[in-house]
Amino acid sequence: MRRVHVIVRGEVQGVGYRYTARLIAREVGVSGWVRNRRDGTVEAEVEGTPAQVDEMLAWMAEGPPGSRVESASVTEQHPDGGVGFRVVE
C-alpha cells in the first residue's frame, strides 16, 4: 500500500474540487480525505495500491472542469489502513 499527502495549488476552491475528488476516489478505490485550506489550496491524503494512488494523483493534477491546477506537491506518508474517503470541512 502507498499513502501520500498532497497540496494542490491554483484555482481549486469554489469549483467543486473536493466533492469531485471524493467521487473519483470512490471510483478509483482509494481511502483518505480532502479539505480546503485557508491559504486557498486544497490538501488531501490518499491511500491505496500504487496504481490506485497514481490514478488519483493524475486526476488531482487536472481537477474538475472549472478548476485550474497550477501544481500538486506530493509527500510520501506511512500507510495507516484507513477506510473510505471523506471531505473534511
Protein backbone atom coordinates (compact mmCIF):
# COMPACT_ATOMS: atom_id res chain seq x y z
CA MET A 1 0.00 0.00 0.00
CA ARG A 2 1.02 3.59 -0.61
CA ARG A 3 -0.14 6.78 1.16
CA VAL A 4 0.61 10.31 0.03
CA HIS A 5 -0.04 13.80 1.36
CA VAL A 6 -0.94 16.27 -1.41
CA ILE A 7 -1.17 20.08 -1.57
CA VAL A 8 -2.89 21.35 -4.72
CA ARG A 9 -2.38 24.98 -5.75
CA GLY A 10 -4.26 27.10 -8.27
CA GLU A 11 -7.94 27.90 -8.71
CA VAL A 12 -9.12 24.91 -6.73
CA GLN A 13 -11.62 26.31 -4.23
CA GLY A 14 -15.23 27.12 -5.09
CA VAL A 15 -15.15 24.88 -8.18
CA GLY A 16 -16.29 21.54 -6.72
CA TYR A 17 -12.76 20.18 -6.38
CA ARG A 18 -13.26 18.43 -3.02
CA TYR A 19 -16.60 16.85 -3.83
CA THR A 20 -15.45 15.66 -7.25
CA ALA A 21 -12.28 14.31 -5.62
CA ARG A 22 -14.48 12.26 -3.28
CA LEU A 23 -16.39 10.81 -6.24
CA ILE A 24 -13.20 10.00 -8.14
CA ALA A 25 -11.59 8.49 -5.02
CA ARG A 26 -14.55 6.16 -4.57
CA GLU A 27 -14.40 5.14 -8.25
CA VAL A 28 -10.64 4.52 -8.03
CA GLY A 29 -10.94 2.74 -4.68
CA VAL A 30 -8.60 4.85 -2.56
CA SER A 31 -9.13 5.93 1.05
CA GLY A 32 -8.26 9.21 2.74
CA TRP A 33 -9.59 12.73 2.97
CA VAL A 34 -9.61 16.14 1.26
CA ARG A 35 -10.12 19.67 2.61
CA ASN A 36 -9.77 23.35 1.75
CA ARG A 37 -7.03 25.31 3.50
CA ARG A 38 -7.19 28.97 4.48
CA ASP A 39 -4.41 29.85 2.03
CA GLY A 40 -6.58 28.88 -0.98
CA THR A 41 -5.01 25.46 -1.55
CA VAL A 42 -6.59 22.03 -1.27
CA GLU A 43 -4.95 19.42 0.97
CA ALA A 44 -5.51 15.68 0.80
CA GLU A 45 -4.20 12.32 1.92
CA VAL A 46 -4.72 9.39 -0.41
CA GLU A 47 -4.05 5.70 0.30
CA GLY A 48 -4.34 2.62 -1.88
CA THR A 49 -2.30 0.41 -4.14
CA PRO A 50 0.45 2.24 -6.02
CA ALA A 51 -1.63 2.07 -9.23
CA GLN A 52 -4.74 3.45 -7.48
CA VAL A 53 -2.77 6.30 -5.89
CA ASP A 54 -1.16 7.13 -9.24
CA GLU A 55 -4.60 7.25 -10.88
CA MET A 56 -5.92 9.58 -8.17
CA LEU A 57 -2.84 11.81 -8.40
CA ALA A 58 -3.29 12.07 -12.17
CA TRP A 59 -6.86 13.29 -11.63
CA MET A 60 -5.77 15.71 -8.88
CA ALA A 61 -3.21 17.27 -11.24
CA GLU A 62 -6.07 18.10 -13.65
CA GLY A 63 -9.01 18.70 -11.30
CA PRO A 64 -12.66 19.09 -12.26
CA PRO A 65 -13.95 21.35 -15.04
CA GLY A 66 -13.74 24.96 -13.89
CA SER A 67 -10.60 24.47 -11.84
CA ARG A 68 -7.07 25.45 -12.83
CA VAL A 69 -4.40 23.40 -11.10
CA GLU A 70 -1.01 25.11 -11.05
CA SER A 71 0.85 22.47 -9.05
CA ALA A 72 0.41 19.46 -6.81
CA SER A 73 3.08 18.78 -4.19
CA VAL A 74 3.23 15.12 -3.14
CA THR A 75 4.90 13.78 0.00
CA GLU A 76 5.07 10.07 0.82
CA GLN A 77 3.46 9.01 4.11
CA HIS A 78 3.22 5.75 6.05
CA PRO A 79 0.03 3.82 5.17
CA ASP A 80 -2.44 3.64 8.05
CA GLY A 81 -5.04 1.28 6.62
CA GLY A 82 -7.82 3.85 6.54
CA VAL A 83 -11.22 3.05 5.06
CA GLY A 84 -13.38 5.37 2.96
CA PHE A 85 -12.70 8.80 1.53
CA ARG A 86 -14.25 11.91 3.07
CA VAL A 87 -14.45 15.65 2.63
CA VAL A 88 -13.24 17.38 5.79
CA GLU A 89 -14.97 20.69 6.46
